[in-house]
Amino acid sequence: MNAKTAAGVVTMLASAASNQVGAAIGAHAFPLIGPAGVVAVRQVVAAVVLLPAARPDIRRFTWAQWWPTLLLALVFATMNLSLYTAIDRVGLGLAVTLEFLGPLAVALAGSRTRSDLLCAAIAAIGVYVLVLPGSSSDHLGVGLGLLAAACWAAYILLNRLAGARLPGLQAPAVATTCCVLLYLPILVVIKTGGIGYAVTAGLLSSAVPYAADLIVLRFVPARLFGVFMSCHPVLATLAGVALLGQIPAAHRWIGMGLVVTANALAVTIARSRAEPGHVTGAPPAPALPS
């Protein structure tokens, strides 16, 4: 491993840790302003970070550029709210692991090779072991985690489309701003008690990962970046243990390990088939989740 790659690994680890620590800190505001309040404030922070960086000229947007951007805004609004509500109900580690099924589904979509089917089987077993459905399971919380996964998959597809039609970060910047408009009623009525937690979550989970990912993608191979993203569920679980006192049962560690393994294998296989430098897996998600 050369010096640049080593520095990239350290940067990616710091970015992922910042993302999950931010989510854990945001969870402290749930009793004060609720998951919706945390998401609303986080979207404001994301917009403040993205707009000056992207500088979109919305007056020149065509309808072909607007419609994927507006759908992206709806996906942001739904993804973050469903994820944070899932975190509130089932814990940070489980919620983030379930959300990671979204990128995995995109990586496996349309494939019928034995290796990809094996990845899908490993992920399915992992989810079952992770959740162990029964009468005591929080089915709504699990369902919201899966909804966040579906939204992340939609984000990947829409971001590719919008990115092809708008340069740089213009699409996510405008989508995040539109998302803030959707959350205006919540921003008007939320209490100030949990704002500090929510702003910190926005900075650690949006601003820091965005800046770090933009830097690291310049000199870290796309395949390494995609595989490294699989550490997020592990770091989310550790952040939940350290900052929220959420100690998962043994079966959840096993299930999470299977899902992470399936995701890493799927991304590696997908990128090994692609041309050098072509990213076929999940890109870093702005104002994401986790």
C-alpha atoms as a PDB file:
ATOM      1  CA  MET A   1       0.000   0.000   0.000  1.00  0.00           C
ATOM      2  CA  ASN A   2       1.552   3.322  -1.071  1.00  0.00           C
ATOM      3  CA  ALA A   3       1.421   6.521   0.962  1.00  0.00           C
ATOM      4  CA  LYS A   4      -1.491   8.018  -0.972  1.00  0.00           C
ATOM      5  CA  THR A   5      -3.622   4.904  -0.596  1.00  0.00           C
ATOM      6  CA  ALA A   6      -2.776   4.689   3.105  1.00  0.00           C
ATOM      7  CA  ALA A   7      -3.771   8.332   3.561  1.00  0.00           C
ATOM      8  CA  GLY A   8      -6.963   7.607   1.642  1.00  0.00           C
ATOM      9  CA  VAL A   9      -7.833   4.700   3.929  1.00  0.00           C
ATOM     10  CA  VAL A  10      -7.302   6.877   7.000  1.00  0.00           C
ATOM     11  CA  THR A  11      -9.453   9.632   5.454  1.00  0.00           C
ATOM     12  CA  MET A  12     -12.234   7.181   4.547  1.00  0.00           C
ATOM     13  CA  LEU A  13     -12.194   5.723   8.060  1.00  0.00           C
ATOM     14  CA  ALA A  14     -12.401   9.208   9.579  1.00  0.00           C
ATOM     15  CA  SER A  15     -15.228  10.130   7.191  1.00  0.00           C
ATOM     16  CA  ALA A  16     -17.227   6.981   7.964  1.00  0.00           C
ATOM     17  CA  ALA A  17     -16.672   7.391  11.700  1.00  0.00           C
ATOM     18  CA  SER A  18     -17.766  11.032  11.514  1.00  0.00           C
ATOM     19  CA  ASN A  19     -20.918   9.991   9.635  1.00  0.00           C
ATOM     20  CA  GLN A  20     -21.970   7.426  12.225  1.00  0.00           C
ATOM     21  CA  VAL A  21     -20.951   9.468  15.272  1.00  0.00           C
ATOM     22  CA  GLY A  22     -23.041  12.303  13.828  1.00  0.00           C
ATOM     23  CA  ALA A  23     -26.032   9.993  13.527  1.00  0.00           C
ATOM     24  CA  ALA A  24     -25.576   8.841  17.137  1.00  0.00           C
ATOM     25  CA  ILE A  25     -25.344  12.437  18.360  1.00  0.00           C
ATOM     26  CA  GLY A  26     -28.459  13.302  16.366  1.00  0.00           C
ATOM     27  CA  ALA A  27     -30.292  10.494  18.158  1.00  0.00           C
ATOM     28  CA  HIS A  28     -29.811  12.384  21.434  1.00  0.00           C
ATOM     29  CA  ALA A  29     -32.152  15.041  20.071  1.00  0.00           C
ATOM     30  CA  PHE A  30     -34.996  12.584  19.376  1.00  0.00           C
ATOM     31  CA  PRO A  31     -36.686  13.091  22.776  1.00  0.00           C
ATOM     32  CA  LEU A  32     -36.555  16.864  22.264  1.00  0.00           C
ATOM     33  CA  ILE A  33     -37.434  17.471  18.600  1.00  0.00           C
ATOM     34  CA  GLY A  34     -38.096  13.974  17.240  1.00  0.00           C
ATOM     35  CA  PRO A  35     -36.493  12.266  14.237  1.00  0.00           C
ATOM     36  CA  ALA A  36     -38.282  14.631  11.843  1.00  0.00           C
ATOM     37  CA  GLY A  37     -36.822  17.666  13.610  1.00  0.00           C
ATOM     38  CA  VAL A  38     -33.306  16.238  13.453  1.00  0.00           C
ATOM     39  CA  VAL A  39     -33.697  15.468   9.745  1.00  0.00           C
ATOM     40  CA  ALA A  40     -35.054  18.966   9.050  1.00  0.00           C
ATOM     41  CA  VAL A  41     -32.095  20.673  10.728  1.00  0.00           C
ATOM     42  CA  ARG A  42     -29.645  18.274   9.096  1.00  0.00           C
ATOM     43  CA  GLN A  43     -31.039  19.131   5.655  1.00  0.00           C
ATOM     44  CA  VAL A  44     -30.542  22.831   6.369  1.00  0.00           C
ATOM     45  CA  VAL A  45     -26.904  22.177   7.266  1.00  0.00           C
ATOM     46  CA  ALA A  46     -26.440  20.087   4.110  1.00  0.00           C
ATOM     47  CA  ALA A  47     -27.938  22.857   1.955  1.00  0.00           C
ATOM     48  CA  VAL A  48     -25.691  25.475   3.573  1.00  0.00           C
ATOM     49  CA  VAL A  49     -22.669  23.302   2.748  1.00  0.00           C
ATOM     50  CA  LEU A  50     -23.670  22.277  -0.780  1.00  0.00           C
ATOM     51  CA  LEU A  51     -25.083  25.462  -2.283  1.00  0.00           C
ATOM     52  CA  PRO A  52     -21.894  27.567  -2.056  1.00  0.00           C
ATOM     53  CA  ALA A  53     -19.873  24.627  -3.384  1.00  0.00           C
ATOM     54  CA  ALA A  54     -22.159  23.896  -6.355  1.00  0.00           C
ATOM     55  CA  ARG A  55     -23.449  27.402  -7.200  1.00  0.00           C
ATOM     56  CA  PRO A  56     -26.330  26.135  -9.354  1.00  0.00           C
ATOM     57  CA  ASP A  57     -28.013  28.554 -11.753  1.00  0.00           C
ATOM     58  CA  ILE A  58     -31.592  27.275 -11.452  1.00  0.00           C
ATOM     59  CA  ARG A  59     -32.851  29.862 -13.950  1.00  0.00           C
ATOM     60  CA  ARG A  60     -31.188  27.853 -16.717  1.00  0.00           C
ATOM     61  CA  PHE A  61     -32.477  24.453 -15.624  1.00  0.00           C
ATOM     62  CA  THR A  62     -34.564  22.633 -18.216  1.00  0.00           C
ATOM     63  CA  TRP A  63     -37.414  20.276 -17.345  1.00  0.00           C
ATOM     64  CA  ALA A  64     -35.152  17.350 -18.217  1.00  0.00           C
ATOM     65  CA  GLN A  65     -32.833  18.583 -15.450  1.00  0.00           C
ATOM     66  CA  TRP A  66     -35.581  19.561 -13.007  1.00  0.00           C
ATOM     67  CA  TRP A  67     -37.588  16.359 -12.806  1.00  0.00           C
ATOM     68  CA  PRO A  68     -34.790  14.013 -11.631  1.00  0.00           C
ATOM     69  CA  THR A  69     -33.637  16.731  -9.223  1.00  0.00           C
ATOM     70  CA  LEU A  70     -37.118  17.071  -7.723  1.00  0.00           C
ATOM     71  CA  LEU A  71     -37.440  13.307  -7.412  1.00  0.00           C
ATOM     72  CA  LEU A  72     -34.040  13.322  -5.719  1.00  0.00           C
ATOM     73  CA  ALA A  73     -35.387  15.858  -3.209  1.00  0.00           C
ATOM     74  CA  LEU A  74     -38.337  13.576  -2.447  1.00  0.00           C
ATOM     75  CA  VAL A  75     -35.962  10.641  -2.026  1.00  0.00           C
ATOM     76  CA  PHE A  76     -33.766  12.664   0.366  1.00  0.00           C
ATOM     77  CA  ALA A  77     -36.782  13.643   2.438  1.00  0.00           C
ATOM     78  CA  THR A  78     -38.108  10.094   2.661  1.00  0.00           C
ATOM     79  CA  MET A  79     -34.743   8.358   3.078  1.00  0.00           C
ATOM     80  CA  ASN A  80     -33.489  10.452   5.966  1.00  0.00           C
ATOM     81  CA  LEU A  81     -36.806  10.502   7.809  1.00  0.00           C
ATOM     82  CA  SER A  82     -37.304   6.751   7.489  1.00  0.00           C
ATOM     83  CA  LEU A  83     -33.711   6.046   8.559  1.00  0.00           C
ATOM     84  CA  TYR A  84     -33.793   8.313  11.604  1.00  0.00           C
ATOM     85  CA  THR A  85     -37.177   6.978  12.667  1.00  0.00           C
ATOM     86  CA  ALA A  86     -35.812   3.453  12.280  1.00  0.00           C
ATOM     87  CA  ILE A  87     -32.799   4.423  14.414  1.00  0.00           C
ATOM     88  CA  ASP A  88     -35.188   5.678  17.068  1.00  0.00           C
ATOM     89  CA  ARG A  89     -37.126   2.394  17.051  1.00  0.00           C
ATOM     90  CA  VAL A  90     -34.583  -0.394  16.431  1.00  0.00           C
ATOM     91  CA  GLY A  91     -31.195   1.192  17.090  1.00  0.00           C
ATOM     92  CA  LEU A  92     -28.424   2.682  15.002  1.00  0.00           C
ATOM     93  CA  GLY A  93     -26.595  -0.505  14.004  1.00  0.00           C
ATOM     94  CA  LEU A  94     -29.640  -2.437  12.804  1.00  0.00           C
ATOM     95  CA  ALA A  95     -31.114   0.550  10.958  1.00  0.00           C
ATOM     96  CA  VAL A  96     -27.899   1.325   9.058  1.00  0.00           C
ATOM     97  CA  THR A  97     -27.304  -2.340   8.212  1.00  0.00           C
ATOM     98  CA  LEU A  98     -30.797  -2.639   6.752  1.00  0.00           C
ATOM     99  CA  GLU A  99     -30.275   0.575   4.800  1.00  0.00           C
ATOM    100  CA  PHE A 100     -27.166  -0.930   3.214  1.00  0.00           C
ATOM    101  CA  LEU A 101     -29.368  -3.397   1.372  1.00  0.00           C
ATOM    102  CA  GLY A 102     -30.136  -0.532  -1.048  1.00  0.00           C
ATOM    103  CA  PRO A 103     -26.667  -0.284  -2.601  1.00  0.00           C
ATOM    104  CA  LEU A 104     -26.433  -4.068  -2.535  1.00  0.00           C
ATOM    105  CA  ALA A 105     -29.672  -4.368  -4.508  1.00  0.00           C
ATOM    106  CA  VAL A 106     -28.378  -1.916  -7.127  1.00  0.00           C
ATOM    107  CA  ALA A 107     -25.103  -3.826  -7.428  1.00  0.00           C
ATOM    108  CA  LEU A 108     -26.983  -7.108  -7.945  1.00  0.00           C
ATOM    109  CA  ALA A 109     -29.852  -5.805 -10.080  1.00  0.00           C
ATOM    110  CA  GLY A 110     -30.288  -7.628 -13.352  1.00  0.00           C
ATOM    111  CA  SER A 111     -27.489 -10.106 -12.698  1.00  0.00           C
ATOM    112  CA  ARG A 112     -27.994 -13.846 -12.942  1.00  0.00           C
ATOM    113  CA  THR A 113     -24.440 -15.057 -12.373  1.00  0.00           C
ATOM    114  CA  ARG A 114     -23.754 -17.594  -9.671  1.00  0.00           C
ATOM    115  CA  SER A 115     -21.505 -15.224  -7.749  1.00  0.00           C
ATOM    116  CA  ASP A 116     -24.172 -12.523  -7.604  1.00  0.00           C
ATOM    117  CA  LEU A 117     -26.857 -15.001  -6.616  1.00  0.00           C
ATOM    118  CA  LEU A 118     -24.538 -16.171  -3.852  1.00  0.00           C
ATOM    119  CA  CYS A 119     -24.188 -12.582  -2.636  1.00  0.00           C
ATOM    120  CA  ALA A 120     -27.972 -12.209  -2.625  1.00  0.00           C
ATOM    121  CA  ALA A 121     -28.350 -15.459  -0.668  1.00  0.00           C
ATOM    122  CA  ILE A 122     -25.747 -14.369   1.900  1.00  0.00           C
ATOM    123  CA  ALA A 123     -27.526 -11.025   2.317  1.00  0.00           C
ATOM    124  CA  ALA A 124     -30.939 -12.699   2.720  1.00  0.00           C
ATOM    125  CA  ILE A 125     -29.599 -15.046   5.383  1.00  0.00           C
ATOM    126  CA  GLY A 126     -27.893 -12.102   7.051  1.00  0.00           C
ATOM    127  CA  VAL A 127     -31.116 -10.088   7.222  1.00  0.00           C
ATOM    128  CA  TYR A 128     -33.017 -13.017   8.697  1.00  0.00           C
ATOM    129  CA  VAL A 129     -30.351 -13.624  11.332  1.00  0.00           C
ATOM    130  CA  LEU A 130     -30.095  -9.890  12.000  1.00  0.00           C
ATOM    131  CA  VAL A 131     -33.825  -9.411  12.572  1.00  0.00           C
ATOM    132  CA  LEU A 132     -34.938 -12.890  13.739  1.00  0.00           C
ATOM    133  CA  PRO A 133     -38.586 -11.966  13.111  1.00  0.00           C
ATOM    134  CA  GLY A 134     -41.027 -12.868  15.834  1.00  0.00           C
ATOM    135  CA  SER A 135     -43.852 -11.511  17.939  1.00  0.00           C
ATOM    136  CA  SER A 136     -41.486  -9.177  19.814  1.00  0.00           C
ATOM    137  CA  SER A 137     -39.896  -7.704  16.678  1.00  0.00           C
ATOM    138  CA  ASP A 138     -40.435  -4.042  15.882  1.00  0.00           C
ATOM    139  CA  HIS A 139     -41.824  -4.644  12.425  1.00  0.00           C
ATOM    140  CA  LEU A 140     -42.434  -0.945  11.778  1.00  0.00           C
ATOM    141  CA  GLY A 141     -38.839  -0.088  12.645  1.00  0.00           C
ATOM    142  CA  VAL A 142     -37.524  -2.855  10.385  1.00  0.00           C
ATOM    143  CA  GLY A 143     -39.875  -1.762   7.618  1.00  0.00           C
ATOM    144  CA  LEU A 144     -38.626   1.828   7.879  1.00  0.00           C
ATOM    145  CA  GLY A 145     -35.038   0.592   7.630  1.00  0.00           C
ATOM    146  CA  LEU A 146     -35.966  -1.280   4.457  1.00  0.00           C
ATOM    147  CA  LEU A 147     -37.730   1.833   3.128  1.00  0.00           C
ATOM    148  CA  ALA A 148     -34.484   3.757   3.689  1.00  0.00           C
ATOM    149  CA  ALA A 149     -32.713   1.021   1.709  1.00  0.00           C
ATOM    150  CA  ALA A 150     -35.155   1.398  -1.172  1.00  0.00           C
ATOM    151  CA  CYS A 151     -34.635   5.157  -1.094  1.00  0.00           C
ATOM    152  CA  TRP A 152     -30.865   4.758  -1.188  1.00  0.00           C
ATOM    153  CA  ALA A 153     -31.183   2.516  -4.224  1.00  0.00           C
ATOM    154  CA  ALA A 154     -33.404   5.147  -5.860  1.00  0.00           C
ATOM    155  CA  TYR A 155     -30.879   7.826  -4.907  1.00  0.00           C
ATOM    156  CA  ILE A 156     -28.083   5.970  -6.698  1.00  0.00           C
ATOM    157  CA  LEU A 157     -30.098   5.651  -9.888  1.00  0.00           C
ATOM    158  CA  LEU A 158     -31.434   9.215  -9.803  1.00  0.00           C
ATOM    159  CA  ASN A 159     -28.039  10.674  -8.925  1.00  0.00           C
ATOM    160  CA  ARG A 160     -26.521   8.969 -11.958  1.00  0.00           C
ATOM    161  CA  LEU A 161     -29.225  10.424 -14.186  1.00  0.00           C
ATOM    162  CA  ALA A 162     -29.138  13.900 -12.669  1.00  0.00           C
ATOM    163  CA  GLY A 163     -25.334  13.862 -12.614  1.00  0.00           C
ATOM    164  CA  ALA A 164     -25.294  13.202 -16.347  1.00  0.00           C
ATOM    165  CA  ARG A 165     -27.520  16.231 -16.928  1.00  0.00           C
ATOM    166  CA  LEU A 166     -26.079  18.663 -14.379  1.00  0.00           C
ATOM    167  CA  PRO A 167     -22.355  19.182 -13.698  1.00  0.00           C
ATOM    168  CA  GLY A 168     -20.695  18.788 -10.318  1.00  0.00           C
ATOM    169  CA  LEU A 169     -22.868  18.859  -7.204  1.00  0.00           C
ATOM    170  CA  GLN A 170     -25.640  20.997  -8.666  1.00  0.00           C
ATOM    171  CA  ALA A 171     -28.303  18.274  -8.559  1.00  0.00           C
ATOM    172  CA  PRO A 172     -27.807  17.229  -4.917  1.00  0.00           C
ATOM    173  CA  ALA A 173     -27.403  20.878  -3.873  1.00  0.00           C
ATOM    174  CA  VAL A 174     -30.729  21.900  -5.406  1.00  0.00           C
ATOM    175  CA  ALA A 175     -32.414  18.671  -4.260  1.00  0.00           C
ATOM    176  CA  THR A 176     -31.277  19.266  -0.689  1.00  0.00           C
ATOM    177  CA  THR A 177     -32.572  22.837  -0.815  1.00  0.00           C
ATOM    178  CA  CYS A 178     -35.952  21.650  -2.124  1.00  0.00           C
ATOM    179  CA  CYS A 179     -35.966  19.088   0.678  1.00  0.00           C
ATOM    180  CA  VAL A 180     -35.535  21.921   3.193  1.00  0.00           C
ATOM    181  CA  LEU A 181     -38.644  23.554   1.737  1.00  0.00           C
ATOM    182  CA  LEU A 182     -40.575  20.328   2.347  1.00  0.00           C
ATOM    183  CA  TYR A 183     -39.477  20.398   5.981  1.00  0.00           C
ATOM    184  CA  LEU A 184     -40.277  24.091   6.564  1.00  0.00           C
ATOM    185  CA  PRO A 185     -43.430  23.345   8.619  1.00  0.00           C
ATOM    186  CA  ILE A 186     -41.330  21.228  10.977  1.00  0.00           C
ATOM    187  CA  LEU A 187     -38.551  23.819  11.170  1.00  0.00           C
ATOM    188  CA  VAL A 188     -41.107  26.450  12.183  1.00  0.00           C
ATOM    189  CA  VAL A 189     -42.543  24.494  15.105  1.00  0.00           C
ATOM    190  CA  ILE A 190     -39.591  22.538  16.532  1.00  0.00           C
ATOM    191  CA  LYS A 191     -38.212  23.501  19.916  1.00  0.00           C
ATOM    192  CA  THR A 192     -34.717  24.904  20.308  1.00  0.00           C
ATOM    193  CA  GLY A 193     -33.624  22.370  22.934  1.00  0.00           C
ATOM    194  CA  GLY A 194     -32.240  19.802  20.523  1.00  0.00           C
ATOM    195  CA  ILE A 195     -30.935  22.121  17.817  1.00  0.00           C
ATOM    196  CA  GLY A 196     -27.316  21.794  18.940  1.00  0.00           C
ATOM    197  CA  TYR A 197     -27.414  18.003  18.628  1.00  0.00           C
ATOM    198  CA  ALA A 198     -29.102  18.237  15.217  1.00  0.00           C
ATOM    199  CA  VAL A 199     -26.650  20.813  13.857  1.00  0.00           C
ATOM    200  CA  THR A 200     -23.730  18.694  15.061  1.00  0.00           C
ATOM    201  CA  ALA A 201     -25.285  15.688  13.335  1.00  0.00           C
ATOM    202  CA  GLY A 202     -25.596  17.702  10.138  1.00  0.00           C
ATOM    203  CA  LEU A 203     -21.962  18.795  10.240  1.00  0.00           C
ATOM    204  CA  LEU A 204     -20.545  15.371  11.101  1.00  0.00           C
ATOM    205  CA  SER A 205     -22.872  13.370   8.848  1.00  0.00           C
ATOM    206  CA  SER A 206     -23.055  15.751   5.884  1.00  0.00           C
ATOM    207  CA  ALA A 207     -20.324  18.383   5.724  1.00  0.00           C
ATOM    208  CA  VAL A 208     -17.351  16.287   6.877  1.00  0.00           C
ATOM    209  CA  PRO A 209     -18.131  13.141   4.796  1.00  0.00           C
ATOM    210  CA  TYR A 210     -18.857  15.227   1.695  1.00  0.00           C
ATOM    211  CA  ALA A 211     -15.565  17.070   1.861  1.00  0.00           C
ATOM    212  CA  ALA A 212     -13.602  13.928   2.732  1.00  0.00           C
ATOM    213  CA  ASP A 213     -15.183  11.810  -0.011  1.00  0.00           C
ATOM    214  CA  LEU A 214     -14.588  14.448  -2.684  1.00  0.00           C
ATOM    215  CA  ILE A 215     -10.909  14.569  -1.723  1.00  0.00           C
ATOM    216  CA  VAL A 216     -10.333  10.848  -1.309  1.00  0.00           C
ATOM    217  CA  LEU A 217     -11.974   9.837  -4.590  1.00  0.00           C
ATOM    218  CA  ARG A 218      -9.226  11.725  -6.425  1.00  0.00           C
ATOM    219  CA  PHE A 219      -6.538   9.206  -5.506  1.00  0.00           C
ATOM    220  CA  VAL A 220      -8.209   6.101  -4.045  1.00  0.00           C
ATOM    221  CA  PRO A 221      -9.320   3.377  -6.506  1.00  0.00           C
ATOM    222  CA  ALA A 222     -13.093   3.256  -6.968  1.00  0.00           C
ATOM    223  CA  ARG A 223     -13.212  -0.436  -6.030  1.00  0.00           C
ATOM    224  CA  LEU A 224     -11.422   0.192  -2.718  1.00  0.00           C
ATOM    225  CA  PHE A 225     -13.777   3.065  -1.956  1.00  0.00           C
ATOM    226  CA  GLY A 226     -16.848   0.940  -2.668  1.00  0.00           C
ATOM    227  CA  VAL A 227     -15.644  -1.961  -0.546  1.00  0.00           C
ATOM    228  CA  PHE A 228     -14.636   0.364   2.274  1.00  0.00           C
ATOM    229  CA  MET A 229     -18.178   1.733   2.431  1.00  0.00           C
ATOM    230  CA  SER A 230     -19.148  -1.648   3.844  1.00  0.00           C
ATOM    231  CA  CYS A 231     -17.599  -0.626   7.157  1.00  0.00           C
ATOM    232  CA  HIS A 232     -20.489   1.777   7.828  1.00  0.00           C
ATOM    233  CA  PRO A 233     -22.799  -0.761   9.516  1.00  0.00           C
ATOM    234  CA  VAL A 234     -19.929  -1.863  11.761  1.00  0.00           C
ATOM    235  CA  LEU A 235     -19.052   1.706  12.710  1.00  0.00           C
ATOM    236  CA  ALA A 236     -22.738   2.517  13.207  1.00  0.00           C
ATOM    237  CA  THR A 237     -23.042  -0.385  15.630  1.00  0.00           C
ATOM    238  CA  LEU A 238     -19.904   0.698  17.513  1.00  0.00           C
ATOM    239  CA  ALA A 239     -21.181   4.296  17.676  1.00  0.00           C
ATOM    240  CA  GLY A 240     -24.481   2.992  19.021  1.00  0.00           C
ATOM    241  CA  VAL A 241     -22.640   1.044  21.724  1.00  0.00           C
ATOM    242  CA  ALA A 242     -20.325   3.908  22.700  1.00  0.00           C
ATOM    243  CA  LEU A 243     -22.693   6.882  22.506  1.00  0.00           C
ATOM    244  CA  LEU A 244     -26.179   5.432  22.919  1.00  0.00           C
ATOM    245  CA  GLY A 245     -25.615   2.339  25.036  1.00  0.00           C
ATOM    246  CA  GLN A 246     -27.196   0.157  22.343  1.00  0.00           C
ATOM    247  CA  ILE A 247     -25.487  -3.204  22.813  1.00  0.00           C
ATOM    248  CA  PRO A 248     -26.641  -5.616  20.086  1.00  0.00           C
ATOM    249  CA  ALA A 249     -27.309  -9.277  20.729  1.00  0.00           C
ATOM    250  CA  ALA A 250     -24.908 -11.867  19.300  1.00  0.00           C
ATOM    251  CA  HIS A 251     -27.227 -12.767  16.412  1.00  0.00           C
ATOM    252  CA  ARG A 252     -27.222  -9.139  15.243  1.00  0.00           C
ATOM    253  CA  TRP A 253     -23.439  -9.089  15.019  1.00  0.00           C
ATOM    254  CA  ILE A 254     -23.578 -12.262  12.932  1.00  0.00           C
ATOM    255  CA  GLY A 255     -26.336 -10.938  10.673  1.00  0.00           C
ATOM    256  CA  MET A 256     -24.568  -7.628  10.214  1.00  0.00           C
ATOM    257  CA  GLY A 257     -21.368  -9.453   9.297  1.00  0.00           C
ATOM    258  CA  LEU A 258     -23.172 -11.445   6.621  1.00  0.00           C
ATOM    259  CA  VAL A 259     -24.783  -8.335   5.100  1.00  0.00           C
ATOM    260  CA  VAL A 260     -21.461  -6.463   5.106  1.00  0.00           C
ATOM    261  CA  THR A 261     -19.727  -9.447   3.486  1.00  0.00           C
ATOM    262  CA  ALA A 262     -22.397  -9.714   0.795  1.00  0.00           C
ATOM    263  CA  ASN A 263     -22.132  -5.987   0.025  1.00  0.00           C
ATOM    264  CA  ALA A 264     -18.328  -6.030  -0.186  1.00  0.00           C
ATOM    265  CA  LEU A 265     -18.370  -9.084  -2.459  1.00  0.00           C
ATOM    266  CA  ALA A 266     -21.067  -7.625  -4.713  1.00  0.00           C
ATOM    267  CA  VAL A 267     -19.207  -4.325  -5.166  1.00  0.00           C
ATOM    268  CA  THR A 268     -15.923  -6.126  -5.830  1.00  0.00           C
ATOM    269  CA  ILE A 269     -17.497  -8.445  -8.398  1.00  0.00           C
ATOM    270  CA  ALA A 270     -19.381  -5.608 -10.131  1.00  0.00           C
ATOM    271  CA  ARG A 271     -16.305  -3.418 -10.444  1.00  0.00           C
ATOM    272  CA  SER A 272     -14.115  -6.267 -11.613  1.00  0.00           C
ATOM    273  CA  ARG A 273     -16.412  -6.553 -14.642  1.00  0.00           C
ATOM    274  CA  ALA A 274     -16.372  -2.831 -15.364  1.00  0.00           C
ATOM    275  CA  GLU A 275     -13.788  -0.858 -17.269  1.00  0.00           C
ATOM    276  CA  PRO A 276     -10.965   0.582 -15.143  1.00  0.00           C
ATOM    277  CA  GLY A 277     -12.120   3.653 -13.237  1.00  0.00           C
ATOM    278  CA  HIS A 278     -15.794   3.089 -13.990  1.00  0.00           C
ATOM    279  CA  VAL A 279     -17.892   3.078 -10.837  1.00  0.00           C
ATOM    280  CA  THR A 280     -20.719   0.575 -10.944  1.00  0.00           C
ATOM    281  CA  GLY A 281     -21.520   0.291  -7.277  1.00  0.00           C
ATOM    282  CA  ALA A 282     -22.961   2.749  -4.829  1.00  0.00           C
ATOM    283  CA  PRO A 283     -21.462   6.245  -4.825  1.00  0.00           C
ATOM    284  CA  PRO A 284     -21.141   8.207  -1.599  1.00  0.00           C
ATOM    285  CA  ALA A 285     -24.498   9.603  -0.611  1.00  0.00           C
ATOM    286  CA  PRO A 286     -24.807  13.237   0.356  1.00  0.00           C
ATOM    287  CA  ALA A 287     -26.713  14.036   3.483  1.00  0.00           C
ATOM    288  CA  LEU A 288     -26.956  10.387   3.955  1.00  0.00           C
ATOM    289  CA  PRO A 289     -28.096   8.286   6.130  1.00  0.00           C
ATOM    290  CA  SER A 290     -26.226   6.912   8.230  1.00  0.00           C
END
